[in-house]
C-alpha atoms as a PDB file:
ATOM      1  CA  MET A   1      73.876 139.276 -17.002  1.00  0.00           C
ATOM      2  CA  ASN A   2      77.110 136.954 -17.948  1.00  0.00           C
ATOM      3  CA  ARG A   3      76.377 135.490 -14.403  1.00  0.00           C
ATOM      4  CA  TYR A   4      72.447 134.512 -15.321  1.00  0.00           C
ATOM      5  CA  SER A   5      73.339 132.885 -18.740  1.00  0.00           C
ATOM      6  CA  GLU A   6      76.003 130.705 -17.496  1.00  0.00           C
ATOM      7  CA  ARG A   7      73.579 129.255 -15.356  1.00  0.00           C
ATOM      8  CA  PHE A   8      70.787 129.078 -17.798  1.00  0.00           C
ATOM      9  CA  LYS A   9      73.047 127.523 -20.437  1.00  0.00           C
ATOM     10  CA  PHE A  10      74.226 124.825 -17.511  1.00  0.00           C
ATOM     11  CA  LEU A  11      70.573 123.769 -17.000  1.00  0.00           C
ATOM     12  CA  SER A  12      69.953 123.705 -20.711  1.00  0.00           C
ATOM     13  CA  LYS A  13      72.220 120.822 -21.175  1.00  0.00           C
ATOM     14  CA  ASP A  14      72.006 118.786 -17.669  1.00  0.00           C
ATOM     15  CA  GLY A  15      68.604 119.485 -16.809  1.00  0.00           C
ATOM     16  CA  LEU A  16      67.071 120.874 -14.113  1.00  0.00           C
ATOM     17  CA  SER A  17      67.054 119.493 -10.200  1.00  0.00           C
ATOM     18  CA  SER A  18      65.626 120.423  -7.261  1.00  0.00           C
ATOM     19  CA  ALA A  19      68.934 121.378  -5.692  1.00  0.00           C
ATOM     20  CA  SER A  20      69.248 124.009  -8.530  1.00  0.00           C
ATOM     21  CA  CYS A  21      65.466 125.321  -8.314  1.00  0.00           C
ATOM     22  CA  VAL A  22      66.525 126.391  -4.689  1.00  0.00           C
ATOM     23  CA  ALA A  23      69.284 127.973  -5.441  1.00  0.00           C
ATOM     24  CA  LEU A  24      68.511 129.728  -9.272  1.00  0.00           C
ATOM     25  CA  THR A  25      65.182 131.043  -7.718  1.00  0.00           C
ATOM     26  CA  THR A  26      67.579 132.105  -5.002  1.00  0.00           C
ATOM     27  CA  ASP A  27      69.996 133.520  -7.207  1.00  0.00           C
ATOM     28  CA  LEU A  28      67.132 135.308  -9.508  1.00  0.00           C
ATOM     29  CA  SER A  29      65.655 137.031  -6.162  1.00  0.00           C
ATOM     30  CA  PRO A  30      65.213 141.077  -6.575  1.00  0.00           C
ATOM     31  CA  SER A  31      67.569 141.592  -3.534  1.00  0.00           C
ATOM     32  CA  THR A  32      70.449 139.652  -5.430  1.00  0.00           C
ATOM     33  CA  MET A  33      70.834 141.482  -8.341  1.00  0.00           C
ATOM     34  CA  ALA A  34      71.322 144.958 -10.355  1.00  0.00           C
ATOM     35  CA  PHE A  35      67.903 146.888 -10.980  1.00  0.00           C
ATOM     36  CA  SER A  36      69.449 146.789 -14.457  1.00  0.00           C
ATOM     37  CA  ASP A  37      68.815 143.245 -14.445  1.00  0.00           C
ATOM     38  CA  ILE A  38      65.105 142.890 -13.163  1.00  0.00           C
ATOM     39  CA  ARG A  39      62.971 143.106 -16.228  1.00  0.00           C
ATOM     40  CA  ILE A  40      65.448 140.911 -18.370  1.00  0.00           C
ATOM     41  CA  VAL A  41      64.871 137.955 -15.717  1.00  0.00           C
ATOM     42  CA  GLN A  42      61.535 138.919 -14.721  1.00  0.00           C
ATOM     43  CA  THR A  43      59.799 136.319 -17.449  1.00  0.00           C
ATOM     44  CA  VAL A  44      62.600 133.255 -17.271  1.00  0.00           C
ATOM     45  CA  PHE A  45      61.820 133.648 -12.935  1.00  0.00           C
ATOM     46  CA  VAL A  46      58.154 133.101 -13.592  1.00  0.00           C
ATOM     47  CA  LEU A  47      58.798 130.225 -15.925  1.00  0.00           C
ATOM     48  CA  LEU A  48      61.452 128.697 -13.972  1.00  0.00           C
ATOM     49  CA  SER A  49      59.477 128.757 -10.239  1.00  0.00           C
ATOM     50  CA  TRP A  50      56.259 127.529 -12.247  1.00  0.00           C
ATOM     51  CA  HIS A  51      58.749 124.349 -13.716  1.00  0.00           C
ATOM     52  CA  CYS A  52      60.501 124.040 -10.488  1.00  0.00           C
ATOM     53  CA  SER A  53      56.685 123.717  -8.417  1.00  0.00           C
ATOM     54  CA  PHE A  54      55.401 121.307 -10.669  1.00  0.00           C
ATOM     55  CA  SER A  55      58.161 119.239 -11.163  1.00  0.00           C
ATOM     56  CA  PHE A  56      59.476 118.923  -7.689  1.00  0.00           C
ATOM     57  CA  GLY A  57      56.711 119.476  -5.129  1.00  0.00           C
ATOM     58  CA  VAL A  58      58.244 122.487  -3.795  1.00  0.00           C
ATOM     59  CA  ASN A  59      54.606 123.955  -2.916  1.00  0.00           C
ATOM     60  CA  HIS A  60      52.794 120.873  -1.928  1.00  0.00           C
ATOM     61  CA  ASP A  61      51.478 120.843   1.656  1.00  0.00           C
ATOM     62  CA  CYS A  62      51.646 117.961   3.595  1.00  0.00           C
ATOM     63  CA  PRO A  63      48.961 116.735   6.106  1.00  0.00           C
ATOM     64  CA  ARG A  64      49.038 117.510   9.822  1.00  0.00           C
ATOM     65  CA  GLU A  65      51.791 115.281  11.593  1.00  0.00           C
ATOM     66  CA  PHE A  66      53.547 115.304   8.117  1.00  0.00           C
ATOM     67  CA  THR A  67      56.423 116.574   7.404  1.00  0.00           C
ATOM     68  CA  LEU A  68      57.508 117.667   3.734  1.00  0.00           C
ATOM     69  CA  PHE A  69      61.345 116.045   2.806  1.00  0.00           C
ATOM     70  CA  GLY A  70      62.208 115.775  -0.657  1.00  0.00           C
ATOM     71  CA  ASN A  71      58.766 114.686  -2.455  1.00  0.00           C
ATOM     72  CA  MET A  72      57.598 112.163   0.450  1.00  0.00           C
ATOM     73  CA  CYS A  73      55.338 113.437   3.113  1.00  0.00           C
ATOM     74  CA  LEU A  74      56.736 111.318   6.323  1.00  0.00           C
ATOM     75  CA  THR A  75      56.189 111.254   9.956  1.00  0.00           C
ATOM     76  CA  LEU A  76      57.964 109.961  12.813  1.00  0.00           C
ATOM     77  CA  PRO A  77      54.518 108.972  15.296  1.00  0.00           C
ATOM     78  CA  SER A  78      55.100 109.896  19.076  1.00  0.00           C
ATOM     79  CA  ASP A  79      53.986 106.736  20.287  1.00  0.00           C
ATOM     80  CA  SER A  80      56.743 104.727  18.514  1.00  0.00           C
ATOM     81  CA  LEU A  81      57.733 100.688  19.337  1.00  0.00           C
ATOM     82  CA  LEU A  82      54.867  98.890  17.804  1.00  0.00           C
ATOM     83  CA  SER A  83      54.899  95.843  16.233  1.00  0.00           C
ATOM     84  CA  TRP A  84      54.461  95.306  12.635  1.00  0.00           C
ATOM     85  CA  PRO A  85      50.683  94.890  12.212  1.00  0.00           C
ATOM     86  CA  ASN A  86      50.616  97.785  14.672  1.00  0.00           C
ATOM     87  CA  ALA A  87      52.482 100.041  12.814  1.00  0.00           C
ATOM     88  CA  LEU A  88      50.593  99.261   9.619  1.00  0.00           C
ATOM     89  CA  GLY A  89      47.426 100.550  12.053  1.00  0.00           C
ATOM     90  CA  LYS A  90      48.476 103.229  13.043  1.00  0.00           C
ATOM     91  CA  CYS A  91      49.698 104.705   9.789  1.00  0.00           C
ATOM     92  CA  GLN A  92      46.178 103.854   8.478  1.00  0.00           C
ATOM     93  CA  ASP A  93      44.510 106.220  11.779  1.00  0.00           C
ATOM     94  CA  LEU A  94      47.060 109.151  10.278  1.00  0.00           C
ATOM     95  CA  GLY A  95      45.517 108.464   6.995  1.00  0.00           C
ATOM     96  CA  GLY A  96      49.271 107.341   5.157  1.00  0.00           C
ATOM     97  CA  THR A  97      50.825 104.128   4.795  1.00  0.00           C
ATOM     98  CA  LEU A  98      53.913 102.369   6.241  1.00  0.00           C
ATOM     99  CA  LEU A  99      57.073 103.591   4.641  1.00  0.00           C
ATOM    100  CA  LYS A 100      58.079 101.651   1.541  1.00  0.00           C
ATOM    101  CA  ILE A 101      61.330 102.343  -0.805  1.00  0.00           C
ATOM    102  CA  ASN A 102      61.527 101.903  -4.567  1.00  0.00           C
ATOM    103  CA  ASN A 103      64.696 102.996  -5.382  1.00  0.00           C
ATOM    104  CA  ALA A 104      68.002 104.450  -4.192  1.00  0.00           C
ATOM    105  CA  ASP A 105      66.953 108.113  -4.318  1.00  0.00           C
ATOM    106  CA  GLU A 106      64.320 107.090  -1.870  1.00  0.00           C
ATOM    107  CA  GLN A 107      66.654 105.296   0.246  1.00  0.00           C
ATOM    108  CA  LYS A 108      69.089 107.724   0.663  1.00  0.00           C
ATOM    109  CA  LEU A 109      66.290 109.925   0.834  1.00  0.00           C
ATOM    110  CA  VAL A 110      64.632 108.362   4.336  1.00  0.00           C
ATOM    111  CA  GLU A 111      67.927 107.929   6.111  1.00  0.00           C
ATOM    112  CA  ASP A 112      68.743 111.439   5.443  1.00  0.00           C
ATOM    113  CA  PHE A 113      65.216 111.670   7.152  1.00  0.00           C
ATOM    114  CA  ILE A 114      66.034 109.502   9.920  1.00  0.00           C
ATOM    115  CA  THR A 115      69.450 111.153  10.369  1.00  0.00           C
ATOM    116  CA  ASN A 116      67.436 114.492  10.847  1.00  0.00           C
ATOM    117  CA  HIS A 117      64.637 113.201  12.920  1.00  0.00           C
ATOM    118  CA  TYR A 118      66.153 110.936  15.277  1.00  0.00           C
ATOM    119  CA  THR A 119      68.831 110.926  17.670  1.00  0.00           C
ATOM    120  CA  ALA A 120      70.371 107.562  19.519  1.00  0.00           C
ATOM    121  CA  SER A 121      71.352 107.804  22.611  1.00  0.00           C
ATOM    122  CA  SER A 122      74.520 105.989  23.218  1.00  0.00           C
ATOM    123  CA  LEU A 123      76.119 104.479  26.564  1.00  0.00           C
ATOM    124  CA  SER A 124      79.814 104.427  27.651  1.00  0.00           C
ATOM    125  CA  ILE A 125      81.850 102.630  30.203  1.00  0.00           C
ATOM    126  CA  ASP A 126      85.191 103.326  31.096  1.00  0.00           C
ATOM    127  CA  LEU A 127      86.789  99.908  32.990  1.00  0.00           C
ATOM    128  CA  PRO A 128      90.050 100.314  35.041  1.00  0.00           C
ATOM    129  CA  PRO A 129      92.998  97.802  34.122  1.00  0.00           C
ATOM    130  CA  VAL A 130      92.030  94.886  35.721  1.00  0.00           C
ATOM    131  CA  TYR A 131      90.148  91.296  34.608  1.00  0.00           C
ATOM    132  CA  LYS A 132      86.869  91.617  35.837  1.00  0.00           C
ATOM    133  CA  TYR A 133      83.718  91.525  33.933  1.00  0.00           C
ATOM    134  CA  HIS A 134      81.440  94.218  34.382  1.00  0.00           C
ATOM    135  CA  TYR A 135      78.009  93.366  32.845  1.00  0.00           C
ATOM    136  CA  VAL A 136      75.749  95.610  31.039  1.00  0.00           C
ATOM    137  CA  ASP A 137      72.120  94.785  32.116  1.00  0.00           C
ATOM    138  CA  ASP A 138      70.716  97.234  29.760  1.00  0.00           C
ATOM    139  CA  LEU A 139      71.561  95.388  26.743  1.00  0.00           C
ATOM    140  CA  ASN A 140      70.097  91.952  28.231  1.00  0.00           C
ATOM    141  CA  THR A 141      66.868  92.290  26.498  1.00  0.00           C
ATOM    142  CA  PHE A 142      68.686  92.789  23.079  1.00  0.00           C
ATOM    143  CA  ILE A 143      71.346  90.410  22.924  1.00  0.00           C
ATOM    144  CA  ARG A 144      68.704  87.601  23.880  1.00  0.00           C
ATOM    145  CA  GLN A 145      66.419  88.561  21.072  1.00  0.00           C
ATOM    146  CA  GLU A 146      68.879  89.739  18.628  1.00  0.00           C
ATOM    147  CA  LYS A 147      71.788  87.479  19.160  1.00  0.00           C
ATOM    148  CA  TYR A 148      74.233  90.191  18.411  1.00  0.00           C
ATOM    149  CA  ILE A 149      76.037  93.269  19.541  1.00  0.00           C
ATOM    150  CA  GLN A 150      77.829  96.411  18.082  1.00  0.00           C
ATOM    151  CA  PHE A 151      79.807  98.398  20.089  1.00  0.00           C
ATOM    152  CA  LYS A 152      83.405 100.608  20.027  1.00  0.00           C
ATOM    153  CA  VAL A 153      86.409 100.477  21.930  1.00  0.00           C
ATOM    154  CA  LYS A 154      89.447 102.136  22.348  1.00  0.00           C
ATOM    155  CA  ALA A 155      91.725 100.123  24.426  1.00  0.00           C
ATOM    156  CA  CYS A 156      96.059 100.181  23.674  1.00  0.00           C
ATOM    157  CA  ASN A 157      95.411  96.357  23.705  1.00  0.00           C
ATOM    158  CA  ASP A 158      93.190  93.380  25.447  1.00  0.00           C
ATOM    159  CA  ALA A 159      89.736  94.248  24.584  1.00  0.00           C
ATOM    160  CA  HIS A 160      87.920  91.579  26.592  1.00  0.00           C
ATOM    161  CA  LEU A 161      83.802  90.244  26.107  1.00  0.00           C
ATOM    162  CA  ILE A 162      81.939  87.680  27.806  1.00  0.00           C
ATOM    163  CA  LEU A 163      78.688  85.420  26.556  1.00  0.00           C
ATOM    164  CA  SER A 164      77.061  83.872  29.079  1.00  0.00           C
ATOM    165  CA  GLU A 165      74.408  81.872  30.067  1.00  0.00           C
ATOM    166  CA  ASN A 166      74.607  83.158  33.361  1.00  0.00           C
ATOM    167  CA  ARG A 167      75.740  86.431  34.851  1.00  0.00           C
ATOM    168  CA  THR A 168      78.702  85.030  35.558  1.00  0.00           C
ATOM    169  CA  ASP A 169      81.941  83.888  34.031  1.00  0.00           C
ATOM    170  CA  SER A 170      80.477  80.227  34.581  1.00  0.00           C
ATOM    171  CA  PHE A 171      81.821  77.547  32.438  1.00  0.00           C
ATOM    172  CA  GLN A 172      78.636  78.161  30.351  1.00  0.00           C
ATOM    173  CA  SER A 173      80.434  81.045  28.218  1.00  0.00           C
ATOM    174  CA  TYR A 174      82.295  81.990  25.322  1.00  0.00           C
ATOM    175  CA  GLU A 175      85.402  84.624  25.579  1.00  0.00           C
ATOM    176  CA  ILE A 176      85.988  87.061  22.486  1.00  0.00           C
ATOM    177  CA  VAL A 177      89.731  88.945  23.230  1.00  0.00           C
ATOM    178  CA  ILE A 178      90.159  91.760  20.620  1.00  0.00           C
ATOM    179  CA  GLY A 179      93.898  92.661  20.479  1.00  0.00           C
ATOM    180  CA  GLY A 180      95.082  91.181  22.743  1.00  0.00           C
ATOM    181  CA  TRP A 181      98.692  90.265  23.270  1.00  0.00           C
ATOM    182  CA  GLY A 182      99.819  93.975  22.751  1.00  0.00           C
ATOM    183  CA  ASP A 183      97.243  94.175  20.000  1.00  0.00           C
ATOM    184  CA  THR A 184      98.508  91.364  18.148  1.00  0.00           C
ATOM    185  CA  THR A 185      95.933  88.549  18.291  1.00  0.00           C
ATOM    186  CA  SER A 186      92.130  88.103  18.643  1.00  0.00           C
ATOM    187  CA  VAL A 187      90.561  84.878  19.336  1.00  0.00           C
ATOM    188  CA  ILE A 188      87.844  83.106  20.599  1.00  0.00           C
ATOM    189  CA  ARG A 189      87.589  81.088  23.228  1.00  0.00           C
ATOM    190  CA  SER A 190      84.816  78.096  24.418  1.00  0.00           C
ATOM    191  CA  CYS A 191      84.795  79.521  27.914  1.00  0.00           C
ATOM    192  CA  ARG A 192      86.836  82.062  30.374  1.00  0.00           C
ATOM    193  CA  GLN A 193      90.775  80.852  29.783  1.00  0.00           C
ATOM    194  CA  CYS A 194      90.180  78.196  27.654  1.00  0.00           C
ATOM    195  CA  GLN A 195      91.194  76.507  24.612  1.00  0.00           C
ATOM    196  CA  HIS A 196      91.036  79.170  21.370  1.00  0.00           C
ATOM    197  CA  ARG A 197      88.961  78.327  18.860  1.00  0.00           C
ATOM    198  CA  ALA A 198      89.513  81.028  16.387  1.00  0.00           C
ATOM    199  CA  VAL A 199      92.572  83.307  16.191  1.00  0.00           C
ATOM    200  CA  LYS A 200      93.531  86.158  14.155  1.00  0.00           C
ATOM    201  CA  TYR A 201      96.972  87.684  14.018  1.00  0.00           C
ATOM    202  CA  HIS A 202      96.483  91.451  13.626  1.00  0.00           C
ATOM    203  CA  THR A 203      96.758  95.265  14.906  1.00  0.00           C
ATOM    204  CA  PRO A 204      92.527  96.101  15.223  1.00  0.00           C
ATOM    205  CA  ILE A 205      92.645  98.243  17.915  1.00  0.00           C
ATOM    206  CA  SER A 206      93.944 101.948  18.714  1.00  0.00           C
ATOM    207  CA  CYS A 207      95.101 103.605  22.392  1.00  0.00           C
ATOM    208  CA  THR A 208      94.035 107.128  20.633  1.00  0.00           C
ATOM    209  CA  GLU A 209      90.655 106.046  18.290  1.00  0.00           C
ATOM    210  CA  TYR A 210      87.101 104.331  18.567  1.00  0.00           C
ATOM    211  CA  LYS A 211      87.337 101.255  16.126  1.00  0.00           C
ATOM    212  CA  PRO A 212      83.915  99.984  15.649  1.00  0.00           C
ATOM    213  CA  PHE A 213      83.380  95.985  15.932  1.00  0.00           C
ATOM    214  CA  TRP A 214      80.564  93.467  15.930  1.00  0.00           C
ATOM    215  CA  VAL A 215      79.891  89.832  17.398  1.00  0.00           C
ATOM    216  CA  SER A 216      76.697  87.622  16.313  1.00  0.00           C
ATOM    217  CA  TRP A 217      76.250  83.760  17.695  1.00  0.00           C
ATOM    218  CA  ARG A 218      73.003  83.051  15.697  1.00  0.00           C
ATOM    219  CA  ASN A 219      73.024  79.117  15.674  1.00  0.00           C
ATOM    220  CA  GLY A 220      75.831  78.274  17.945  1.00  0.00           C
ATOM    221  CA  THR A 221      78.021  80.202  15.284  1.00  0.00           C
ATOM    222  CA  ILE A 222      80.092  82.966  16.972  1.00  0.00           C
ATOM    223  CA  ARG A 223      81.564  85.449  14.613  1.00  0.00           C
ATOM    224  CA  VAL A 224      83.505  88.497  14.865  1.00  0.00           C
ATOM    225  CA  GLY A 225      83.843  91.586  12.332  1.00  0.00           C
ATOM    226  CA  GLU A 226      85.347  94.922  12.015  1.00  0.00           C
ATOM    227  CA  GLY A 227      82.877  97.928  11.316  1.00  0.00           C
ATOM    228  CA  GLN A 228      79.535  99.095  12.093  1.00  0.00           C
ATOM    229  CA  GLU A 229      77.407  96.822   9.836  1.00  0.00           C
ATOM    230  CA  VAL A 230      76.921  93.262  10.707  1.00  0.00           C
ATOM    231  CA  GLY A 231      78.160  90.427   8.597  1.00  0.00           C
ATOM    232  CA  THR A 232      80.566  92.331   6.965  1.00  0.00           C
ATOM    233  CA  GLY A 233      84.596  92.358   8.075  1.00  0.00           C
ATOM    234  CA  VAL A 234      84.721  88.783  10.101  1.00  0.00           C
ATOM    235  CA  PHE A 235      88.033  88.085  11.004  1.00  0.00           C
ATOM    236  CA  MET A 236      86.841  85.377  13.300  1.00  0.00           C
ATOM    237  CA  GLU A 237      84.196  82.373  13.396  1.00  0.00           C
ATOM    238  CA  TRP A 238      83.772  79.190  14.854  1.00  0.00           C
ATOM    239  CA  THR A 239      80.705  76.761  15.451  1.00  0.00           C
ATOM    240  CA  ASP A 240      80.058  75.396  18.648  1.00  0.00           C
ATOM    241  CA  PRO A 241      78.866  71.567  18.363  1.00  0.00           C
ATOM    242  CA  ASN A 242      76.831  72.048  21.476  1.00  0.00           C
ATOM    243  CA  PRO A 243      75.955  75.573  21.809  1.00  0.00           C
ATOM    244  CA  HIS A 244      74.578  77.178  24.514  1.00  0.00           C
ATOM    245  CA  PRO A 245      72.332  80.355  25.458  1.00  0.00           C
ATOM    246  CA  VAL A 246      73.740  83.778  25.811  1.00  0.00           C
ATOM    247  CA  LYS A 247      72.253  85.986  28.137  1.00  0.00           C
ATOM    248  CA  PHE A 248      74.252  88.417  29.368  1.00  0.00           C
ATOM    249  CA  ILE A 249      77.147  89.787  28.170  1.00  0.00           C
ATOM    250  CA  GLY A 250      80.326  91.484  30.106  1.00  0.00           C
ATOM    251  CA  PHE A 251      83.186  93.212  29.088  1.00  0.00           C
ATOM    252  CA  SER A 252      86.796  93.590  30.832  1.00  0.00           C
ATOM    253  CA  SER A 253      90.195  95.291  30.175  1.00  0.00           C
ATOM    254  CA  TRP A 254      93.588  93.622  31.118  1.00  0.00           C
ATOM    255  CA  SER A 255      95.878  94.165  33.717  1.00  0.00           C
ATOM    256  CA  ASP A 256      98.406  96.453  32.175  1.00  0.00           C
ATOM    257  CA  HIS A 257      95.808  98.995  30.068  1.00  0.00           C
ATOM    258  CA  PRO A 258      92.244 100.532  30.689  1.00  0.00           C
ATOM    259  CA  THR A 259      89.694 100.160  28.324  1.00  0.00           C
ATOM    260  CA  GLN A 260      86.444 102.731  27.042  1.00  0.00           C
ATOM    261  CA  TRP A 261      83.727 101.135  25.062  1.00  0.00           C
ATOM    262  CA  MET A 262      80.526 102.354  23.759  1.00  0.00           C
ATOM    263  CA  PHE A 263      76.960 101.079  23.007  1.00  0.00           C
ATOM    264  CA  GLN A 264      74.161 102.428  21.486  1.00  0.00           C
ATOM    265  CA  LYS A 265      71.800 102.193  24.617  1.00  0.00           C
ATOM    266  CA  ASP A 266      68.049 102.378  22.215  1.00  0.00           C
ATOM    267  CA  ALA A 267      69.032  99.825  19.505  1.00  0.00           C
ATOM    268  CA  TYR A 268      65.230  99.120  18.949  1.00  0.00           C
ATOM    269  CA  ASN A 269      63.984 102.878  18.595  1.00  0.00           C
ATOM    270  CA  ALA A 270      66.910 102.814  16.136  1.00  0.00           C
ATOM    271  CA  THR A 271      65.459 100.324  14.254  1.00  0.00           C
ATOM    272  CA  PHE A 272      62.499 100.962  12.322  1.00  0.00           C
ATOM    273  CA  TRP A 273      59.434  99.068  10.020  1.00  0.00           C
ATOM    274  CA  LEU A 274      59.152  98.877   6.049  1.00  0.00           C
ATOM    275  CA  SER A 275      55.416  97.955   4.537  1.00  0.00           C
ATOM    276  CA  GLY A 276      57.717  94.754   3.126  1.00  0.00           C
ATOM    277  CA  THR A 277      56.486  91.210   3.901  1.00  0.00           C
ATOM    278  CA  GLU A 278      56.554  87.705   2.692  1.00  0.00           C
ATOM    279  CA  LEU A 279      53.370  86.718   4.758  1.00  0.00           C
ATOM    280  CA  GLY A 280      51.583  86.231   1.504  1.00  0.00           C
ATOM    281  CA  HIS A 281      53.793  84.345  -0.763  1.00  0.00           C
ATOM    282  CA  SER A 282      56.444  82.415   1.401  1.00  0.00           C
ATOM    283  CA  GLY A 283      59.696  83.816   0.140  1.00  0.00           C
ATOM    284  CA  GLN A 284      58.503  86.366  -2.492  1.00  0.00           C
ATOM    285  CA  TRP A 285      58.880  90.044  -0.622  1.00  0.00           C
ATOM    286  CA  GLU A 286      56.323  92.414  -1.587  1.00  0.00           C
ATOM    287  CA  TRP A 287      55.019  95.898  -0.093  1.00  0.00           C
ATOM    288  CA  PHE A 288      51.400  96.083   1.996  1.00  0.00           C
ATOM    289  CA  PRO A 289      49.009  96.799   1.469  1.00  0.00           C
ATOM    290  CA  GLU A 290      49.609  96.949  -2.656  1.00  0.00           C
ATOM    291  CA  GLU A 291      51.009  93.664  -3.065  1.00  0.00           C
ATOM    292  CA  ASP A 292      53.570  94.465  -5.625  1.00  0.00           C
ATOM    293  CA  PHE A 293      56.310  92.589  -5.749  1.00  0.00           C
ATOM    294  CA  ILE A 294      59.663  94.414  -4.013  1.00  0.00           C
ATOM    295  CA  GLY A 295      62.070  95.444  -7.022  1.00  0.00           C
ATOM    296  CA  TYR A 296      65.016  97.730  -5.424  1.00  0.00           C
ATOM    297  CA  THR A 297      66.197  95.804  -2.212  1.00  0.00           C
ATOM    298  CA  HIS A 298      69.469  96.895   0.570  1.00  0.00           C
ATOM    299  CA  TRP A 299      69.567  93.641   1.956  1.00  0.00           C
ATOM    300  CA  VAL A 300      72.210  93.211   5.228  1.00  0.00           C
ATOM    301  CA  PRO A 301      75.032  91.165   3.116  1.00  0.00           C
ATOM    302  CA  GLU A 302      74.161  88.069   4.294  1.00  0.00           C
ATOM    303  CA  GLY A 303      70.424  88.022   2.850  1.00  0.00           C
ATOM    304  CA  PRO A 304      66.943  88.795   4.363  1.00  0.00           C
ATOM    305  CA  SER A 305      66.698  86.244   7.089  1.00  0.00           C
ATOM    306  CA  SER A 306      70.328  86.349   8.370  1.00  0.00           C
ATOM    307  CA  PHE A 307      69.304  87.910  11.499  1.00  0.00           C
ATOM    308  CA  SER A 308      65.789  86.415  11.794  1.00  0.00           C
ATOM    309  CA  PRO A 309      65.013  82.880  10.034  1.00  0.00           C
ATOM    310  CA  SER A 310      61.750  82.867  11.441  1.00  0.00           C
ATOM    311  CA  GLY A 311      61.380  86.714  10.762  1.00  0.00           C
ATOM    312  CA  HIS A 312      58.310  87.759   8.022  1.00  0.00           C
ATOM    313  CA  CYS A 313      58.192  91.579   7.722  1.00  0.00           C
ATOM    314  CA  LEU A 314      61.286  94.040   6.526  1.00  0.00           C
ATOM    315  CA  GLN A 315      63.245  96.632   8.887  1.00  0.00           C
ATOM    316  CA  MET A 316      65.704  98.933   8.456  1.00  0.00           C
ATOM    317  CA  SER A 317      68.218  99.751  11.123  1.00  0.00           C
ATOM    318  CA  LEU A 318      70.701 103.156  11.872  1.00  0.00           C
ATOM    319  CA  HIS A 319      72.756 101.245  13.562  1.00  0.00           C
ATOM    320  CA  ASN A 320      73.238  98.728  10.767  1.00  0.00           C
ATOM    321  CA  ALA A 321      74.269 101.267   7.839  1.00  0.00           C
ATOM    322  CA  PHE A 322      70.715 101.650   7.061  1.00  0.00           C
ATOM    323  CA  ARG A 323      70.450  98.054   5.348  1.00  0.00           C
ATOM    324  CA  TRP A 324      67.329  95.716   5.431  1.00  0.00           C
ATOM    325  CA  ALA A 325      66.752  92.644   7.053  1.00  0.00           C
ATOM    326  CA  ALA A 326      63.796  90.376   7.654  1.00  0.00           C
ATOM    327  CA  ASP A 327      62.670  90.150  11.420  1.00  0.00           C
ATOM    328  CA  ASN A 328      59.682  88.571  13.784  1.00  0.00           C
ATOM    329  CA  CYS A 329      56.442  90.910  13.115  1.00  0.00           C
ATOM    330  CA  ILE A 330      55.339  91.052  16.652  1.00  0.00           C
ATOM    331  CA  GLN A 331      58.817  92.097  17.885  1.00  0.00           C
ATOM    332  CA  MET A 332      58.632  96.104  18.688  1.00  0.00           C
ATOM    333  CA  ARG A 333      60.048  98.648  16.076  1.00  0.00           C
ATOM    334  CA  ASN A 334      59.974 102.354  15.783  1.00  0.00           C
ATOM    335  CA  PHE A 335      58.411 103.053  12.106  1.00  0.00           C
ATOM    336  CA  ILE A 336      58.317 105.526   9.840  1.00  0.00           C
ATOM    337  CA  CYS A 337      54.537 106.433   7.705  1.00  0.00           C
ATOM    338  CA  GLU A 338      54.044 108.178   4.447  1.00  0.00           C
ATOM    339  CA  ILE A 339      51.582 109.699   2.516  1.00  0.00           C
ATOM    340  CA  PRO A 340      52.773 109.947  -1.328  1.00  0.00           C
ATOM    341  CA  THR A 341      52.795 113.639  -2.649  1.00  0.00           C
ATOM    342  CA  SER A 342      51.358 114.417  -6.352  1.00  0.00           C
ATOM    343  CA  SER A 343      55.077 114.744  -7.268  1.00  0.00           C
ATOM    344  CA  ASN A 344      56.049 111.469  -5.993  1.00  0.00           C
ATOM    345  CA  ASN A 345      56.353 110.657  -9.810  1.00  0.00           C
ATOM    346  CA  TYR A 346      58.898 112.748 -10.371  1.00  0.00           C
ATOM    347  CA  PRO A 347      62.775 112.208  -9.934  1.00  0.00           C
ATOM    348  CA  ILE A 348      64.182 113.152  -6.417  1.00  0.00           C
ATOM    349  CA  GLY A 349      66.859 116.126  -6.649  1.00  0.00           C
END
């Protein structure tokens, strides 16, 4: 019985988590112990099973179309991509509510649920060592509304992007070079091969691995950053005093090395509505329909309105490290519905 005594001793000291429940009930099953142990453990097993079921909802069932994940009943409706009001209505039709997140444990639980139940598709482009822009029309709708792009690039040097008002390398374009001049310098230009408006001396890219970057151009300010989270790792920035719209995006190599690019093909599908809104109280975010003011938050680094200054509804994005941001309520987004279980007042294991 030494191994069981040690497990019980550990629990009495540190408490019982849901993970411990699963491990112990497995460990205490008759198939895992000697015959002489069974009678001694029998009473403990009954009490342990009762405690785990009561505290962590092990035996709770979710309604049809919902999945028990941790202590939450969640579902990704099949007819996804709805506006925020329509997503609310769809969740109500299913007998639930649009998802809300009350603490860091629930945030992590939802992140795991999305990771386990949603597969993001990507778009890859391999470009030859030629200075000629390749326009990616699949991204047009997204960049015109969201005013940013996330991507990964593998190149020895000279990864070029162009943000254009027209589907040409016209004067009305912003050109960005990452890792130019032998992977020593990055620049922002006010047009193709025009004057440098921002310069960064560094070694940002790699011949052997994909490196993540993002570019944004909201309100005429061009920002370039490293990493997968928009707003962090900024290494170049320039504000155009006379900004032009960005309707097309193109990518290019230079004349000595090829470049390889990766993008999220379904960025909208990977953005999820939450039930938060400030429609009822300007500047005061609350969960709808409970009208409870939001306590725990997980905003993007630049704040809730950095993506959409006119946004009044709350979303989180798989491609932005699951950070929250304000969004235009009529945009089409994915969403998750929840039905609280009777165990939702207990900690998430």
